[in-house]
Amino acid sequence: MASSMYFKRVSILLLVVSLTGCACTGTPEIRVSALVEPSYAEPTPLQHFNVKDQWNDHGIMLVKGHKYRFTAVAKNWVDNGIVSSLEQGWLETPTLMSKILKPMSFLRRNAEAPWYALVGAIRDEQGNEQCFKAVDATRPVFEATLTGRLFVFANDYPAKSIYDNNEGELDLSIIRVE
């Protein structure tokens, strides 16, 4: 029964892709007006991270050339009922759904990060964007190449209806290291 539910969800995903395409992730809604750069002194927490939200805006500004460290702890980081890792997403999840979606990796919002990994995006005032894996053991310190507003999200297909099946809680914090 579980595998038929996966096939149904994949079929819906393929239908959505064929009808909508995936060229644009949309325009983020600005929810916090004041921007704050994370400090050296103590981590800046991102409160109320919503894994169902395509653009989590917490009023954080990252500055070009500055380096930051992201720390995250997830509870029940789940998509489609499949538990995932913040860093590896579904990359190491041995499920039928992850195997089916592997050849469709080009559909992810960030093709460089695994499905459902935690991703950050810096958007400047001109709409330029820098996407990156926010939690990455191979790169524990992240250097911004743009100055702009930080958004964070689960690396999923860029349609609101697909994000609605995401579940979990996340404690995320950022500290400036250089």
C-alpha atoms as a PDB file:
ATOM      1  CA  MET A   1       0.000   0.000   0.000  1.00  0.00           C
ATOM      2  CA  ALA A   2       2.843   2.394   0.854  1.00  0.00           C
ATOM      3  CA  SER A   3       4.487   1.884  -2.545  1.00  0.00           C
ATOM      4  CA  SER A   4       1.213   2.652  -4.362  1.00  0.00           C
ATOM      5  CA  MET A   5       1.017   5.925  -2.425  1.00  0.00           C
ATOM      6  CA  TYR A   6       4.598   6.765  -3.565  1.00  0.00           C
ATOM      7  CA  PHE A   7       3.703   6.018  -7.185  1.00  0.00           C
ATOM      8  CA  LYS A   8       0.612   8.197  -6.886  1.00  0.00           C
ATOM      9  CA  ARG A   9       2.679  11.102  -5.496  1.00  0.00           C
ATOM     10  CA  VAL A  10       5.337  10.671  -8.181  1.00  0.00           C
ATOM     11  CA  SER A  11       2.638  10.621 -10.855  1.00  0.00           C
ATOM     12  CA  ILE A  12       1.209  13.849  -9.442  1.00  0.00           C
ATOM     13  CA  LEU A  13       4.712  15.358  -9.365  1.00  0.00           C
ATOM     14  CA  LEU A  14       5.296  14.420 -13.002  1.00  0.00           C
ATOM     15  CA  LEU A  15       1.929  15.875 -13.981  1.00  0.00           C
ATOM     16  CA  VAL A  16       2.717  19.131 -12.176  1.00  0.00           C
ATOM     17  CA  VAL A  17       6.121  19.299 -13.869  1.00  0.00           C
ATOM     18  CA  SER A  18       4.624  18.704 -17.296  1.00  0.00           C
ATOM     19  CA  LEU A  19       1.955  21.366 -16.744  1.00  0.00           C
ATOM     20  CA  THR A  20       3.984  24.064 -15.010  1.00  0.00           C
ATOM     21  CA  GLY A  21       7.602  23.536 -15.962  1.00  0.00           C
ATOM     22  CA  CYS A  22      10.243  24.432 -13.417  1.00  0.00           C
ATOM     23  CA  ALA A  23      12.098  27.412 -14.799  1.00  0.00           C
ATOM     24  CA  CYS A  24      11.174  29.767 -11.957  1.00  0.00           C
ATOM     25  CA  THR A  25      11.027  29.316  -8.208  1.00  0.00           C
ATOM     26  CA  GLY A  26       8.876  32.391  -7.816  1.00  0.00           C
ATOM     27  CA  THR A  27       9.344  35.642  -6.008  1.00  0.00           C
ATOM     28  CA  PRO A  28       9.825  35.420  -2.265  1.00  0.00           C
ATOM     29  CA  GLU A  29       7.468  37.257   0.028  1.00  0.00           C
ATOM     30  CA  ILE A  30       9.380  39.682   2.246  1.00  0.00           C
ATOM     31  CA  ARG A  31       8.100  39.017   5.759  1.00  0.00           C
ATOM     32  CA  VAL A  32      10.631  40.862   7.918  1.00  0.00           C
ATOM     33  CA  SER A  33      11.411  44.486   7.126  1.00  0.00           C
ATOM     34  CA  ALA A  34      14.580  45.130   9.157  1.00  0.00           C
ATOM     35  CA  LEU A  35      17.744  43.287   8.098  1.00  0.00           C
ATOM     36  CA  VAL A  36      20.405  42.203  10.577  1.00  0.00           C
ATOM     37  CA  GLU A  37      23.792  40.693   9.812  1.00  0.00           C
ATOM     38  CA  PRO A  38      24.783  37.803  12.099  1.00  0.00           C
ATOM     39  CA  SER A  39      27.423  38.846  14.639  1.00  0.00           C
ATOM     40  CA  TYR A  40      30.743  37.418  15.794  1.00  0.00           C
ATOM     41  CA  ALA A  41      29.647  37.420  19.422  1.00  0.00           C
ATOM     42  CA  GLU A  42      26.839  34.881  19.466  1.00  0.00           C
ATOM     43  CA  PRO A  43      24.812  32.861  16.969  1.00  0.00           C
ATOM     44  CA  THR A  44      21.765  34.515  15.425  1.00  0.00           C
ATOM     45  CA  PRO A  45      18.824  32.100  15.648  1.00  0.00           C
ATOM     46  CA  LEU A  46      16.293  31.817  12.831  1.00  0.00           C
ATOM     47  CA  GLN A  47      13.032  31.508  14.691  1.00  0.00           C
ATOM     48  CA  HIS A  48       9.960  29.667  13.408  1.00  0.00           C
ATOM     49  CA  PHE A  49      11.500  27.923  10.429  1.00  0.00           C
ATOM     50  CA  ASN A  50       8.634  26.489   8.384  1.00  0.00           C
ATOM     51  CA  VAL A  51       9.606  23.461   6.271  1.00  0.00           C
ATOM     52  CA  LYS A  52       6.403  23.929   4.247  1.00  0.00           C
ATOM     53  CA  ASP A  53       7.476  27.433   3.226  1.00  0.00           C
ATOM     54  CA  GLN A  54       9.328  27.925  -0.063  1.00  0.00           C
ATOM     55  CA  TRP A  55      11.030  31.084   1.222  1.00  0.00           C
ATOM     56  CA  ASN A  56      11.780  31.373   4.948  1.00  0.00           C
ATOM     57  CA  ASP A  57      12.577  35.044   5.593  1.00  0.00           C
ATOM     58  CA  HIS A  58      13.979  35.889   9.018  1.00  0.00           C
ATOM     59  CA  GLY A  59      15.398  39.348   8.320  1.00  0.00           C
ATOM     60  CA  ILE A  60      18.978  38.110   7.960  1.00  0.00           C
ATOM     61  CA  MET A  61      21.398  39.926   5.657  1.00  0.00           C
ATOM     62  CA  LEU A  62      24.602  38.287   4.483  1.00  0.00           C
ATOM     63  CA  VAL A  63      27.428  40.492   3.203  1.00  0.00           C
ATOM     64  CA  LYS A  64      29.657  39.770   0.211  1.00  0.00           C
ATOM     65  CA  GLY A  65      33.091  38.550   1.327  1.00  0.00           C
ATOM     66  CA  HIS A  66      31.976  37.770   4.885  1.00  0.00           C
ATOM     67  CA  LYS A  67      32.109  34.196   6.123  1.00  0.00           C
ATOM     68  CA  TYR A  68      29.424  32.445   8.143  1.00  0.00           C
ATOM     69  CA  ARG A  69      28.818  29.134   9.884  1.00  0.00           C
ATOM     70  CA  PHE A  70      25.340  27.589   9.882  1.00  0.00           C
ATOM     71  CA  THR A  71      24.307  25.203  12.639  1.00  0.00           C
ATOM     72  CA  ALA A  72      21.081  23.245  12.472  1.00  0.00           C
ATOM     73  CA  VAL A  73      19.287  20.609  14.462  1.00  0.00           C
ATOM     74  CA  ALA A  74      16.211  19.001  12.944  1.00  0.00           C
ATOM     75  CA  LYS A  75      13.417  17.034  14.516  1.00  0.00           C
ATOM     76  CA  ASN A  76      11.473  14.808  12.139  1.00  0.00           C
ATOM     77  CA  TRP A  77      12.873  16.414   8.954  1.00  0.00           C
ATOM     78  CA  VAL A  78      10.444  14.590   6.644  1.00  0.00           C
ATOM     79  CA  ASP A  79       9.228  14.905   3.061  1.00  0.00           C
ATOM     80  CA  ASN A  80       6.590  12.557   1.643  1.00  0.00           C
ATOM     81  CA  GLY A  81       6.822  10.580   4.869  1.00  0.00           C
ATOM     82  CA  ILE A  82      10.532   9.901   4.268  1.00  0.00           C
ATOM     83  CA  VAL A  83      12.969  10.982   6.975  1.00  0.00           C
ATOM     84  CA  SER A  84      15.835  13.021   5.551  1.00  0.00           C
ATOM     85  CA  SER A  85      19.150  14.484   6.616  1.00  0.00           C
ATOM     86  CA  LEU A  86      19.681  18.262   6.628  1.00  0.00           C
ATOM     87  CA  GLU A  87      22.950  17.830   4.768  1.00  0.00           C
ATOM     88  CA  GLN A  88      22.365  14.726   2.657  1.00  0.00           C
ATOM     89  CA  GLY A  89      18.614  15.068   2.099  1.00  0.00           C
ATOM     90  CA  TRP A  90      17.424  11.934   0.341  1.00  0.00           C
ATOM     91  CA  LEU A  91      20.875  11.234  -1.092  1.00  0.00           C
ATOM     92  CA  GLU A  92      21.481   8.367   1.307  1.00  0.00           C
ATOM     93  CA  THR A  93      17.850   7.421   1.910  1.00  0.00           C
ATOM     94  CA  PRO A  94      17.292   3.939   0.454  1.00  0.00           C
ATOM     95  CA  THR A  95      13.646   4.310  -0.492  1.00  0.00           C
ATOM     96  CA  LEU A  96      11.710   3.718  -3.647  1.00  0.00           C
ATOM     97  CA  MET A  97      10.760   7.406  -3.833  1.00  0.00           C
ATOM     98  CA  SER A  98      14.380   8.579  -3.606  1.00  0.00           C
ATOM     99  CA  LYS A  99      15.396   6.121  -6.343  1.00  0.00           C
ATOM    100  CA  ILE A 100      12.550   7.282  -8.593  1.00  0.00           C
ATOM    101  CA  LEU A 101      13.416  10.955  -8.076  1.00  0.00           C
ATOM    102  CA  LYS A 102      17.183  10.569  -8.555  1.00  0.00           C
ATOM    103  CA  PRO A 103      17.029  10.890 -12.390  1.00  0.00           C
ATOM    104  CA  MET A 104      14.822  13.963 -11.967  1.00  0.00           C
ATOM    105  CA  SER A 105      17.461  15.837  -9.981  1.00  0.00           C
ATOM    106  CA  PHE A 106      17.382  18.699 -12.469  1.00  0.00           C
ATOM    107  CA  LEU A 107      13.931  19.570 -11.078  1.00  0.00           C
ATOM    108  CA  ARG A 108      15.277  20.518  -7.650  1.00  0.00           C
ATOM    109  CA  ARG A 109      15.408  24.194  -6.775  1.00  0.00           C
ATOM    110  CA  ASN A 110      19.159  23.841  -6.248  1.00  0.00           C
ATOM    111  CA  ALA A 111      20.565  21.168  -8.559  1.00  0.00           C
ATOM    112  CA  GLU A 112      23.859  21.132  -6.609  1.00  0.00           C
ATOM    113  CA  ALA A 113      22.242  19.971  -3.346  1.00  0.00           C
ATOM    114  CA  PRO A 114      20.406  16.682  -2.775  1.00  0.00           C
ATOM    115  CA  TRP A 115      16.622  16.486  -2.699  1.00  0.00           C
ATOM    116  CA  TYR A 116      15.337  17.867   0.611  1.00  0.00           C
ATOM    117  CA  ALA A 117      18.695  19.095   1.914  1.00  0.00           C
ATOM    118  CA  LEU A 118      18.653  22.454   3.712  1.00  0.00           C
ATOM    119  CA  VAL A 119      19.451  25.222   1.205  1.00  0.00           C
ATOM    120  CA  GLY A 120      20.122  28.921   1.626  1.00  0.00           C
ATOM    121  CA  ALA A 121      19.618  31.605  -1.005  1.00  0.00           C
ATOM    122  CA  ILE A 122      20.936  35.160  -0.882  1.00  0.00           C
ATOM    123  CA  ARG A 123      18.949  37.599  -3.018  1.00  0.00           C
ATOM    124  CA  ASP A 124      20.239  41.089  -3.681  1.00  0.00           C
ATOM    125  CA  GLU A 125      18.102  44.132  -4.560  1.00  0.00           C
ATOM    126  CA  GLN A 126      18.516  43.456  -8.295  1.00  0.00           C
ATOM    127  CA  GLY A 127      17.150  39.902  -7.962  1.00  0.00           C
ATOM    128  CA  ASN A 128      20.540  38.165  -8.337  1.00  0.00           C
ATOM    129  CA  GLU A 129      20.735  34.981  -6.319  1.00  0.00           C
ATOM    130  CA  GLN A 130      23.406  32.786  -4.749  1.00  0.00           C
ATOM    131  CA  CYS A 131      22.168  29.332  -3.638  1.00  0.00           C
ATOM    132  CA  PHE A 132      24.160  27.030  -1.378  1.00  0.00           C
ATOM    133  CA  LYS A 133      23.822  24.063   0.942  1.00  0.00           C
ATOM    134  CA  ALA A 134      23.368  25.704   4.331  1.00  0.00           C
ATOM    135  CA  VAL A 135      24.606  22.672   6.261  1.00  0.00           C
ATOM    136  CA  ASP A 136      27.630  21.107   4.572  1.00  0.00           C
ATOM    137  CA  ALA A 137      30.298  19.093   6.409  1.00  0.00           C
ATOM    138  CA  THR A 138      32.663  19.471   3.436  1.00  0.00           C
ATOM    139  CA  ARG A 139      32.322  23.260   3.691  1.00  0.00           C
ATOM    140  CA  PRO A 140      31.645  24.209   7.324  1.00  0.00           C
ATOM    141  CA  VAL A 141      32.250  27.919   6.624  1.00  0.00           C
ATOM    142  CA  PHE A 142      30.289  29.661   3.870  1.00  0.00           C
ATOM    143  CA  GLU A 143      31.510  32.813   2.083  1.00  0.00           C
ATOM    144  CA  ALA A 144      28.855  35.088   0.602  1.00  0.00           C
ATOM    145  CA  THR A 145      29.454  36.271  -2.962  1.00  0.00           C
ATOM    146  CA  LEU A 146      26.471  38.653  -2.839  1.00  0.00           C
ATOM    147  CA  THR A 147      25.143  41.097  -0.292  1.00  0.00           C
ATOM    148  CA  GLY A 148      21.460  40.515   0.276  1.00  0.00           C
ATOM    149  CA  ARG A 149      18.580  38.966   2.146  1.00  0.00           C
ATOM    150  CA  LEU A 150      18.932  35.337   3.229  1.00  0.00           C
ATOM    151  CA  PHE A 151      16.139  32.844   2.605  1.00  0.00           C
ATOM    152  CA  VAL A 152      16.292  29.191   3.661  1.00  0.00           C
ATOM    153  CA  PHE A 153      14.247  26.234   2.437  1.00  0.00           C
ATOM    154  CA  ALA A 154      14.119  22.497   1.926  1.00  0.00           C
ATOM    155  CA  ASN A 155      15.468  21.591  -1.520  1.00  0.00           C
ATOM    156  CA  ASP A 156      12.281  20.383  -3.159  1.00  0.00           C
ATOM    157  CA  TYR A 157      10.446  20.844  -6.459  1.00  0.00           C
ATOM    158  CA  PRO A 158       9.502  24.553  -6.724  1.00  0.00           C
ATOM    159  CA  ALA A 159       5.717  24.288  -6.378  1.00  0.00           C
ATOM    160  CA  LYS A 160       3.763  25.227  -3.257  1.00  0.00           C
ATOM    161  CA  SER A 161       1.633  22.086  -3.521  1.00  0.00           C
ATOM    162  CA  ILE A 162       4.776  19.935  -3.293  1.00  0.00           C
ATOM    163  CA  TYR A 163       5.977  21.773  -0.153  1.00  0.00           C
ATOM    164  CA  ASP A 164       2.682  21.075   1.618  1.00  0.00           C
ATOM    165  CA  ASN A 165       3.761  17.472   2.375  1.00  0.00           C
ATOM    166  CA  ASN A 166       6.941  18.589   4.185  1.00  0.00           C
ATOM    167  CA  GLU A 167       7.023  18.100   7.951  1.00  0.00           C
ATOM    168  CA  GLY A 168       9.331  18.736  10.861  1.00  0.00           C
ATOM    169  CA  GLU A 169      10.914  21.286  13.105  1.00  0.00           C
ATOM    170  CA  LEU A 170      14.256  22.983  12.699  1.00  0.00           C
ATOM    171  CA  ASP A 171      16.509  25.014  14.962  1.00  0.00           C
ATOM    172  CA  LEU A 172      18.874  27.002  12.741  1.00  0.00           C
ATOM    173  CA  SER A 173      21.470  29.570  13.761  1.00  0.00           C
ATOM    174  CA  ILE A 174      24.151  31.579  11.950  1.00  0.00           C
ATOM    175  CA  ILE A 175      27.324  33.169  13.258  1.00  0.00           C
ATOM    176  CA  ARG A 176      29.766  35.354  11.378  1.00  0.00           C
ATOM    177  CA  VAL A 177      33.294  33.907  11.549  1.00  0.00           C
ATOM    178  CA  GLU A 178      35.227  36.383   9.337  1.00  0.00           C
END
